[in-house]
Amino acid sequence: MATSFHVSLGSAQWALTVALLSGAVATPVLGRLGAGPHRRATVLATPAVVVAGSALTVLPLPLPFAWLLASRAAQGVGLGLTALMVGVARDHLPEERGAAVIALISVVSIIGAGVGYPLAAPLAELGGVRAAYGLGLVVTAVALLTAWRSMPEAPEGRSAHVDVTGAVVLAAALLLVLFLAGERNLWSRHLAVAAGLAVVAVVLLRVWAVIELRSTTPLVDVRAVRHPAVAGANLAMFVGGIGMYLLLTLITRYAQTPHGAGYGYGFGLTTFVAGLVLIPFSVLGFVAGKLTPRVRTRIADPLLLAGSAVVVGGGFALFAAARSDLAELFAAMGVLGYGVGGFSAAMPGVILAVTPKSETSSAMSFNYVVRSVGYSLGSAIGGLILAAGTGPGHLFPDDSAYTTAALVGVGAMAITTLTSLVLARRRSSETNP
């Protein structure tokens, strides 16, 4: 992207960051709007904005990179659809079927990446970045048409008031968080500045929490979020998200490292072939998402979270111990996909067990914001570790840097497992006093 639009690599990174930022802010706003009487209009407007953003990425307009950032921000709004769909499923489907659909919604919102990359990569190689974004335009247009034909209205008697002040403060805080996650050079060269900005971000998040507690119609019900089960689930999602995205980025970067670069590793895969490495991630993630609703009739959701975290940790261990063959990367990616699929499918059950129906979209939207921030930090942490393992004058890190990053991921998943086990113990004590 930096080459296509003639910008620096740091500037090109904002094409990813700005989508995460707009999605993180839009998700709780859409969750609140979607809980009220304007749900259908909200659900239709969201993919419409994404379609408009996708069209901007395809059209040959002046100031191409500026237009690209604007379009990516519009596309990021679509990240808020997942929480909206969870609310729709819980309101309009029978409990047993609704639980299975909610689990699947949570899974497909992640594993879709494993389908999108292999499809977009050959288009990017043949027709450039705009051709790849053209695929996104077609997909989102289909989504808009599907929503228009099938989306029901929300139950009556709910408020759709949006806390604008809270949304602005949250946007400022998340902008700082995602900026710090993306600007790796700032941490390595200006640590004091980065630490100061991190403090400001924490203060803004604290101010946002106070605003929400005092609001009669908060953007996110912070009191509900502070419930031990919800808080524990969000902590598990945050730390687990760091680990999950860390391994995803490690494997894809490792696979594309030129084999003849003299570092003793790498496969030099093209963008298209590297995208194929994600197929096991999507396939096994989907399988886990389909199996989880059946398994949860016998095993509590927090225990499923813990088991899935162990599986992801196993993917890290596999990558750390065996990555000299491309088949081993496929295996590690498959293990990761299965763990992420199970984790994502079990997460809504933990949160919704203590959440009123009217607050479904709001509660899940906050969880998805936490997930987005965790993913961003996972990518940043991976980059920092690999940068620290890159010698002076070298383009690529030493092979040992990947092992170090994998061990950090094992630690993250261990914390996630312990957090999930604490949740399981608490639920057990509540159901069997």
Protein backbone atom coordinates (compact mmCIF):
# COMPACT_ATOMS: atom_id res chain seq x y z
CA MET A 1 0.00 0.00 0.00
CA ALA A 2 2.89 2.34 0.78
CA THR A 3 4.28 1.65 -2.70
CA SER A 4 0.93 1.96 -4.47
CA PHE A 5 0.07 5.32 -2.91
CA HIS A 6 3.64 6.70 -2.63
CA VAL A 7 3.55 7.26 1.13
CA SER A 8 5.76 6.13 4.00
CA LEU A 9 5.19 2.77 5.65
CA GLY A 10 4.14 4.53 8.86
CA SER A 11 1.51 6.52 6.98
CA ALA A 12 0.28 3.42 5.18
CA GLN A 13 -0.22 1.74 8.57
CA TRP A 14 -3.03 4.22 9.26
CA ALA A 15 -5.09 2.55 6.55
CA LEU A 16 -5.42 -0.29 9.10
CA THR A 17 -5.50 1.80 12.28
CA VAL A 18 -8.20 4.23 11.14
CA ALA A 19 -10.59 1.36 10.40
CA LEU A 20 -10.03 -0.10 13.86
CA LEU A 21 -10.53 3.33 15.42
CA SER A 22 -13.78 4.11 13.64
CA GLY A 23 -15.02 0.60 14.36
CA ALA A 24 -14.15 0.83 18.04
CA VAL A 25 -16.06 4.12 18.38
CA ALA A 26 -18.97 3.12 16.13
CA THR A 27 -19.56 -0.22 17.85
CA PRO A 28 -20.97 1.09 21.18
CA VAL A 29 -22.86 3.90 19.38
CA LEU A 30 -24.49 1.44 16.99
CA GLY A 31 -25.11 -0.95 19.88
CA ARG A 32 -27.08 1.74 21.69
CA LEU A 33 -29.01 2.84 18.58
CA GLY A 34 -29.70 -0.77 17.64
CA ALA A 35 -31.21 -1.50 21.05
CA GLY A 36 -33.98 1.06 20.50
CA PRO A 37 -36.84 1.63 18.07
CA HIS A 38 -34.49 2.59 15.22
CA ARG A 39 -32.76 -0.80 14.97
CA ARG A 40 -33.76 -1.54 11.38
CA ALA A 41 -32.69 1.91 10.19
CA THR A 42 -29.40 1.56 12.09
CA VAL A 43 -28.68 -1.87 10.64
CA LEU A 44 -29.43 -0.64 7.10
CA ALA A 45 -27.44 2.58 7.48
CA THR A 46 -24.33 0.75 8.70
CA PRO A 47 -23.67 -1.39 5.59
CA ALA A 48 -24.73 1.62 3.47
CA VAL A 49 -21.86 3.61 4.99
CA VAL A 50 -19.52 0.67 4.36
CA VAL A 51 -20.69 0.45 0.73
CA ALA A 52 -20.02 4.18 0.30
CA GLY A 53 -16.55 3.76 1.82
CA SER A 54 -15.84 0.78 -0.39
CA ALA A 55 -16.86 2.76 -3.45
CA LEU A 56 -14.37 5.48 -2.50
CA THR A 57 -11.56 2.90 -2.42
CA VAL A 58 -12.37 1.85 -5.97
CA LEU A 59 -12.94 5.21 -7.67
CA PRO A 60 -9.82 6.95 -9.10
CA LEU A 61 -10.36 10.18 -7.17
CA PRO A 62 -7.77 12.95 -6.57
CA LEU A 63 -5.73 12.91 -3.35
CA PRO A 64 -5.86 9.10 -3.44
CA PHE A 65 -4.36 8.33 -0.04
CA ALA A 66 -6.50 10.92 1.75
CA TRP A 67 -9.56 9.40 0.10
CA LEU A 68 -8.34 5.96 1.07
CA LEU A 69 -8.15 6.91 4.76
CA ALA A 70 -11.64 8.41 4.63
CA SER A 71 -12.98 5.30 2.94
CA ARG A 72 -11.24 3.00 5.40
CA ALA A 73 -12.81 4.94 8.28
CA ALA A 74 -16.22 4.42 6.67
CA GLN A 75 -15.51 0.71 6.18
CA GLY A 76 -14.49 0.39 9.84
CA VAL A 77 -18.02 1.38 10.89
CA GLY A 78 -19.07 -2.06 9.70
CA LEU A 79 -17.22 -3.63 12.61
CA GLY A 80 -20.14 -2.56 14.79
CA LEU A 81 -22.55 -4.87 12.96
CA THR A 82 -21.57 -7.94 14.98
CA ALA A 83 -22.96 -6.64 18.27
CA LEU A 84 -26.12 -5.49 16.48
CA MET A 85 -26.67 -8.95 15.01
CA VAL A 86 -26.22 -10.57 18.41
CA GLY A 87 -28.99 -8.34 19.76
CA VAL A 88 -31.28 -9.23 16.84
CA ALA A 89 -30.71 -12.96 17.31
CA ARG A 90 -31.39 -12.80 21.05
CA ASP A 91 -34.60 -10.79 20.58
CA HIS A 92 -36.18 -12.71 17.72
CA LEU A 93 -35.04 -16.34 17.96
CA PRO A 94 -35.97 -19.09 20.45
CA GLU A 95 -33.42 -19.38 23.24
CA GLU A 96 -31.79 -22.63 22.08
CA ARG A 97 -31.53 -21.62 18.43
CA GLY A 98 -30.57 -18.08 19.36
CA ALA A 99 -27.58 -19.30 21.40
CA ALA A 100 -26.27 -21.29 18.43
CA VAL A 101 -26.74 -18.38 16.02
CA ILE A 102 -25.06 -15.93 18.42
CA ALA A 103 -22.07 -18.25 18.74
CA LEU A 104 -21.79 -18.50 14.96
CA ILE A 105 -22.09 -14.72 14.52
CA SER A 106 -19.19 -14.21 16.91
CA VAL A 107 -17.07 -16.73 15.00
CA VAL A 108 -17.73 -15.61 11.42
CA SER A 109 -16.87 -12.02 12.31
CA ILE A 110 -13.29 -13.24 12.88
CA ILE A 111 -12.74 -16.13 10.51
CA GLY A 112 -14.02 -14.08 7.57
CA ALA A 113 -10.51 -12.66 7.46
CA GLY A 114 -9.22 -16.08 6.49
CA VAL A 115 -11.56 -16.05 3.50
CA GLY A 116 -11.06 -12.42 2.54
CA TYR A 117 -7.26 -12.44 2.32
CA PRO A 118 -6.90 -15.36 -0.15
CA LEU A 119 -9.64 -13.87 -2.34
CA ALA A 120 -8.31 -10.31 -2.26
CA ALA A 121 -4.62 -11.17 -2.67
CA PRO A 122 -4.74 -12.35 -6.31
CA LEU A 123 -6.93 -9.37 -7.19
CA ALA A 124 -4.35 -7.05 -5.62
CA GLU A 125 -1.53 -8.72 -7.56
CA LEU A 126 -3.42 -8.59 -10.88
CA GLY A 127 -5.23 -5.28 -10.64
CA GLY A 128 -3.74 -3.40 -7.71
CA VAL A 129 -5.17 -2.38 -4.37
CA ARG A 130 -8.31 -0.86 -5.90
CA ALA A 131 -9.24 -4.17 -7.52
CA ALA A 132 -8.97 -5.92 -4.14
CA TYR A 133 -11.19 -3.29 -2.53
CA GLY A 134 -13.65 -3.85 -5.38
CA LEU A 135 -14.31 -7.29 -3.90
CA GLY A 136 -15.21 -5.61 -0.62
CA LEU A 137 -17.65 -3.35 -2.45
CA VAL A 138 -19.47 -6.35 -3.95
CA VAL A 139 -19.61 -8.24 -0.63
CA THR A 140 -20.92 -5.28 1.37
CA ALA A 141 -23.51 -4.47 -1.30
CA VAL A 142 -24.82 -8.03 -0.97
CA ALA A 143 -24.89 -7.61 2.82
CA LEU A 144 -26.89 -4.38 2.49
CA LEU A 145 -29.43 -6.04 0.19
CA THR A 146 -29.77 -9.01 2.55
CA ALA A 147 -30.34 -6.71 5.55
CA TRP A 148 -32.94 -4.68 3.65
CA ARG A 149 -34.93 -7.82 2.82
CA SER A 150 -34.77 -9.61 6.17
CA MET A 151 -34.06 -7.27 9.11
CA PRO A 152 -36.94 -7.01 11.66
CA GLU A 153 -37.80 -4.04 13.86
CA ALA A 154 -36.71 -3.97 17.51
CA PRO A 155 -39.20 -4.68 20.33
CA GLU A 156 -41.11 -1.59 21.46
CA GLY A 157 -40.47 0.43 24.59
CA ARG A 158 -36.69 0.83 24.41
CA SER A 159 -34.62 4.01 24.38
CA ALA A 160 -32.21 4.86 21.60
CA HIS A 161 -30.66 7.99 23.10
CA VAL A 162 -26.92 8.26 22.41
CA ASP A 163 -24.54 9.82 24.92
CA VAL A 164 -22.67 12.13 22.53
CA THR A 165 -20.23 13.43 25.15
CA GLY A 166 -19.31 9.90 26.16
CA ALA A 167 -18.80 8.95 22.51
CA VAL A 168 -16.42 11.89 21.93
CA VAL A 169 -14.34 11.15 25.04
CA LEU A 170 -14.21 7.45 24.17
CA ALA A 171 -13.09 8.32 20.63
CA ALA A 172 -10.26 10.49 21.97
CA ALA A 173 -9.11 7.77 24.39
CA LEU A 174 -9.21 5.02 21.76
CA LEU A 175 -7.41 7.24 19.26
CA LEU A 176 -4.52 7.52 21.70
CA VAL A 177 -4.58 3.79 22.48
CA LEU A 178 -4.54 2.74 18.83
CA PHE A 179 -1.99 5.42 17.94
CA LEU A 180 0.34 4.10 20.63
CA ALA A 181 -0.27 0.55 19.45
CA GLY A 182 0.63 1.42 15.87
CA GLU A 183 3.57 3.77 16.43
CA ARG A 184 6.25 1.24 17.39
CA ASN A 185 9.11 3.68 16.75
CA LEU A 186 7.68 6.03 19.38
CA TRP A 187 8.17 3.37 22.08
CA SER A 188 11.69 2.52 21.01
CA ARG A 189 12.95 6.09 20.42
CA HIS A 190 10.78 8.32 22.65
CA LEU A 191 9.73 6.15 25.56
CA ALA A 192 8.92 9.09 27.86
CA VAL A 193 6.55 10.63 25.30
CA ALA A 194 4.85 7.29 24.69
CA ALA A 195 4.45 6.70 28.43
CA GLY A 196 2.99 10.20 28.88
CA LEU A 197 0.45 9.65 26.13
CA ALA A 198 -0.44 6.30 27.69
CA VAL A 199 -1.19 8.07 30.98
CA VAL A 200 -3.40 10.58 29.14
CA ALA A 201 -5.28 7.69 27.50
CA VAL A 202 -5.89 6.07 30.90
CA VAL A 203 -7.14 9.38 32.32
CA LEU A 204 -9.52 9.84 29.38
CA LEU A 205 -10.88 6.33 29.85
CA ARG A 206 -11.42 7.09 33.53
CA VAL A 207 -13.25 10.33 32.64
CA TRP A 208 -15.37 8.40 30.15
CA ALA A 209 -16.31 5.86 32.84
CA VAL A 210 -17.38 8.68 35.19
CA ILE A 211 -19.49 10.26 32.43
CA GLU A 212 -21.19 6.95 31.73
CA LEU A 213 -21.90 6.31 35.42
CA ARG A 214 -23.57 9.72 35.76
CA SER A 215 -25.56 9.50 32.54
CA THR A 216 -29.19 8.38 32.64
CA THR A 217 -28.78 6.89 29.13
CA PRO A 218 -25.12 5.81 28.98
CA LEU A 219 -23.39 4.71 25.81
CA VAL A 220 -22.30 1.59 27.70
CA ASP A 221 -23.85 0.48 30.99
CA VAL A 222 -20.64 0.63 33.02
CA ARG A 223 -22.39 -0.76 36.10
CA ALA A 224 -23.29 -3.89 34.13
CA VAL A 225 -19.77 -4.07 32.72
CA ARG A 226 -18.43 -4.07 36.29
CA HIS A 227 -20.33 -7.27 37.08
CA PRO A 228 -17.65 -9.86 37.97
CA ALA A 229 -18.70 -12.22 35.16
CA VAL A 230 -18.71 -9.47 32.51
CA ALA A 231 -15.51 -7.83 33.79
CA GLY A 232 -13.74 -11.20 33.87
CA ALA A 233 -14.96 -12.03 30.35
CA ASN A 234 -13.71 -8.69 29.05
CA LEU A 235 -10.33 -9.20 30.73
CA ALA A 236 -10.08 -12.65 29.16
CA MET A 237 -11.05 -11.16 25.78
CA PHE A 238 -8.47 -8.39 26.09
CA VAL A 239 -5.51 -10.59 27.02
CA GLY A 240 -6.68 -13.41 24.78
CA GLY A 241 -7.09 -10.99 21.88
CA ILE A 242 -3.49 -9.86 22.32
CA GLY A 243 -2.29 -13.45 22.10
CA MET A 244 -4.55 -14.52 19.24
CA TYR A 245 -3.62 -11.66 16.93
CA LEU A 246 0.03 -11.92 17.92
CA LEU A 247 0.25 -15.48 16.60
CA LEU A 248 -1.72 -14.60 13.47
CA THR A 249 0.71 -11.83 12.57
CA LEU A 250 3.77 -13.90 13.49
CA ILE A 251 2.85 -16.76 11.18
CA THR A 252 1.90 -14.59 8.20
CA ARG A 253 5.05 -12.48 8.52
CA TYR A 254 7.26 -15.55 8.95
CA ALA A 255 5.77 -17.18 5.86
CA GLN A 256 6.50 -14.13 3.68
CA THR A 257 10.13 -13.67 4.77
CA PRO A 258 12.38 -14.32 1.73
CA HIS A 259 13.96 -17.74 1.96
CA GLY A 260 17.27 -16.56 0.51
CA ALA A 261 17.66 -13.59 2.84
CA GLY A 262 20.35 -15.40 4.81
CA TYR A 263 18.48 -15.69 8.11
CA GLY A 264 17.98 -19.45 8.00
CA TYR A 265 14.20 -19.25 7.85
CA GLY A 266 11.32 -17.97 5.75
CA PHE A 267 9.48 -19.29 2.73
CA GLY A 268 9.32 -16.21 0.51
CA LEU A 269 5.61 -16.73 -0.17
CA THR A 270 3.72 -14.33 -2.39
CA THR A 271 0.79 -12.40 -0.96
CA PHE A 272 -1.63 -14.87 -2.53
CA VAL A 273 0.09 -18.03 -1.25
CA ALA A 274 0.59 -16.44 2.18
CA GLY A 275 -3.16 -15.80 2.21
CA LEU A 276 -3.75 -19.51 1.68
CA VAL A 277 -2.02 -20.13 5.01
CA LEU A 278 -5.12 -18.56 6.59
CA ILE A 279 -7.48 -21.16 5.15
CA PRO A 280 -6.90 -23.70 7.97
CA PHE A 281 -7.58 -20.84 10.40
CA SER A 282 -10.98 -20.17 8.85
CA VAL A 283 -12.00 -23.78 8.27
CA LEU A 284 -11.19 -25.05 11.77
CA GLY A 285 -12.49 -21.85 13.33
CA PHE A 286 -15.82 -22.44 11.64
CA VAL A 287 -15.83 -26.08 12.77
CA ALA A 288 -15.20 -24.99 16.37
CA GLY A 289 -17.96 -22.42 16.11
CA LYS A 290 -20.44 -25.07 14.99
CA LEU A 291 -19.38 -27.56 17.66
CA THR A 292 -19.31 -25.18 20.62
CA PRO A 293 -23.12 -24.72 20.98
CA ARG A 294 -23.45 -28.51 21.25
CA VAL A 295 -20.62 -28.87 23.73
CA ARG A 296 -21.85 -26.02 25.95
CA THR A 297 -24.88 -28.13 26.95
CA ARG A 298 -22.40 -30.25 28.92
CA ILE A 299 -19.58 -27.83 29.69
CA ALA A 300 -20.01 -24.33 31.10
CA ASP A 301 -19.04 -21.40 28.89
CA PRO A 302 -16.16 -20.22 31.14
CA LEU A 303 -14.62 -23.69 30.96
CA LEU A 304 -14.96 -23.58 27.17
CA LEU A 305 -13.11 -20.25 27.23
CA ALA A 306 -10.34 -21.82 29.29
CA GLY A 307 -10.09 -24.85 27.01
CA SER A 308 -9.99 -22.68 23.90
CA ALA A 309 -7.26 -20.52 25.43
CA VAL A 310 -5.23 -23.68 26.07
CA VAL A 311 -5.68 -24.65 22.41
CA VAL A 312 -4.41 -21.23 21.25
CA GLY A 313 -1.47 -21.62 23.64
CA GLY A 314 -0.81 -24.97 21.98
CA GLY A 315 -0.64 -23.17 18.64
CA PHE A 316 2.03 -20.88 20.06
CA ALA A 317 3.97 -23.86 21.41
CA LEU A 318 3.76 -25.60 18.05
CA PHE A 319 5.02 -22.51 16.23
CA ALA A 320 7.84 -22.06 18.75
CA ALA A 321 9.01 -25.67 18.43
CA ALA A 322 8.39 -26.52 14.77
CA ARG A 323 8.25 -24.05 11.89
CA SER A 324 10.87 -25.27 9.44
CA ASP A 325 8.27 -26.73 7.08
CA LEU A 326 5.30 -25.01 5.47
CA ALA A 327 3.01 -27.83 6.63
CA GLU A 328 3.92 -26.96 10.23
CA LEU A 329 2.76 -23.38 9.66
CA PHE A 330 -0.52 -24.69 8.27
CA ALA A 331 -0.87 -26.90 11.35
CA ALA A 332 -0.17 -24.02 13.75
CA MET A 333 -2.66 -21.82 11.92
CA GLY A 334 -5.29 -24.57 12.10
CA VAL A 335 -4.77 -24.98 15.85
CA LEU A 336 -5.05 -21.20 16.24
CA GLY A 337 -8.26 -21.13 14.21
CA TYR A 338 -9.87 -23.88 16.26
CA GLY A 339 -8.95 -22.13 19.51
CA VAL A 340 -10.13 -18.72 18.32
CA GLY A 341 -13.37 -20.21 16.99
CA GLY A 342 -14.16 -21.94 20.26
CA PHE A 343 -13.21 -18.89 22.32
CA SER A 344 -15.32 -16.53 20.21
CA ALA A 345 -18.32 -18.85 20.24
CA ALA A 346 -18.24 -19.30 24.03
CA MET A 347 -17.67 -15.63 24.93
CA PRO A 348 -21.25 -14.36 24.34
CA GLY A 349 -22.65 -17.03 26.64
CA VAL A 350 -20.53 -15.77 29.55
CA ILE A 351 -21.65 -12.17 29.09
CA LEU A 352 -25.29 -12.68 28.14
CA ALA A 353 -25.92 -15.00 31.10
CA VAL A 354 -25.96 -11.91 33.34
CA THR A 355 -27.16 -9.31 30.80
CA PRO A 356 -30.81 -8.21 30.23
CA LYS A 357 -32.09 -8.58 26.67
CA SER A 358 -32.44 -4.82 26.30
CA GLU A 359 -28.70 -4.38 26.96
CA THR A 360 -27.48 -7.20 24.69
CA SER A 361 -26.08 -5.02 21.90
CA SER A 362 -24.53 -2.58 24.36
CA ALA A 363 -22.83 -5.29 26.45
CA MET A 364 -21.51 -7.16 23.41
CA SER A 365 -20.37 -3.96 21.72
CA PHE A 366 -18.12 -3.16 24.66
CA ASN A 367 -16.66 -6.67 24.47
CA TYR A 368 -15.90 -6.17 20.77
CA VAL A 369 -14.22 -2.84 21.51
CA VAL A 370 -12.02 -4.64 24.04
CA ARG A 371 -11.29 -7.28 21.41
CA SER A 372 -10.27 -4.68 18.82
CA VAL A 373 -7.90 -2.98 21.25
CA GLY A 374 -6.44 -6.36 22.23
CA TYR A 375 -5.86 -7.24 18.58
CA SER A 376 -4.14 -3.91 17.98
CA LEU A 377 -1.87 -4.36 20.98
CA GLY A 378 -1.10 -7.93 19.91
CA SER A 379 0.06 -6.69 16.53
CA ALA A 380 2.10 -3.91 18.15
CA ILE A 381 3.73 -6.21 20.72
CA GLY A 382 4.70 -8.64 17.98
CA GLY A 383 6.24 -5.82 15.98
CA LEU A 384 8.18 -4.52 18.97
CA ILE A 385 9.61 -7.95 19.81
CA LEU A 386 10.64 -8.60 16.23
CA ALA A 387 12.10 -5.09 15.93
CA ALA A 388 14.15 -5.70 19.08
CA GLY A 389 15.44 -8.90 17.49
CA THR A 390 16.53 -7.18 14.28
CA GLY A 391 20.24 -6.44 14.22
CA PRO A 392 21.71 -3.10 13.03
CA GLY A 393 21.63 -2.86 9.25
CA HIS A 394 19.39 -5.94 8.93
CA LEU A 395 15.98 -5.98 7.29
CA PHE A 396 14.61 -9.05 9.06
CA PRO A 397 14.69 -10.25 12.69
CA ASP A 398 16.68 -13.23 13.88
CA ASP A 399 14.81 -16.51 14.06
CA SER A 400 15.10 -16.45 17.86
CA ALA A 401 12.92 -13.30 17.95
CA TYR A 402 9.99 -15.35 16.70
CA THR A 403 10.56 -17.86 19.47
CA THR A 404 10.60 -15.06 22.04
CA ALA A 405 7.36 -13.64 20.66
CA ALA A 406 5.77 -17.10 20.74
CA LEU A 407 6.72 -17.55 24.39
CA VAL A 408 5.18 -14.16 25.20
CA GLY A 409 2.02 -15.43 23.52
CA VAL A 410 2.07 -18.58 25.64
CA GLY A 411 2.18 -16.33 28.71
CA ALA A 412 -0.78 -14.27 27.47
CA MET A 413 -2.86 -17.37 26.90
CA ALA A 414 -1.90 -18.72 30.33
CA ILE A 415 -3.31 -15.55 31.90
CA THR A 416 -6.44 -15.92 29.76
CA THR A 417 -6.85 -19.53 30.89
CA LEU A 418 -6.50 -18.64 34.56
CA THR A 419 -9.00 -15.79 34.22
CA SER A 420 -11.50 -18.12 32.55
CA LEU A 421 -11.04 -20.75 35.27
CA VAL A 422 -11.77 -18.12 37.93
CA LEU A 423 -14.99 -17.29 36.05
CA ALA A 424 -15.89 -20.98 35.93
CA ARG A 425 -15.31 -21.37 39.66
CA ARG A 426 -17.42 -18.33 40.43
CA ARG A 427 -20.30 -19.56 38.29
CA SER A 428 -20.10 -22.98 39.92
CA SER A 429 -20.29 -21.46 43.40
CA GLU A 430 -23.31 -19.35 42.36
CA THR A 431 -25.23 -22.29 40.90
CA ASN A 432 -24.25 -24.70 43.69
CA PRO A 433 -24.06 -22.63 46.93
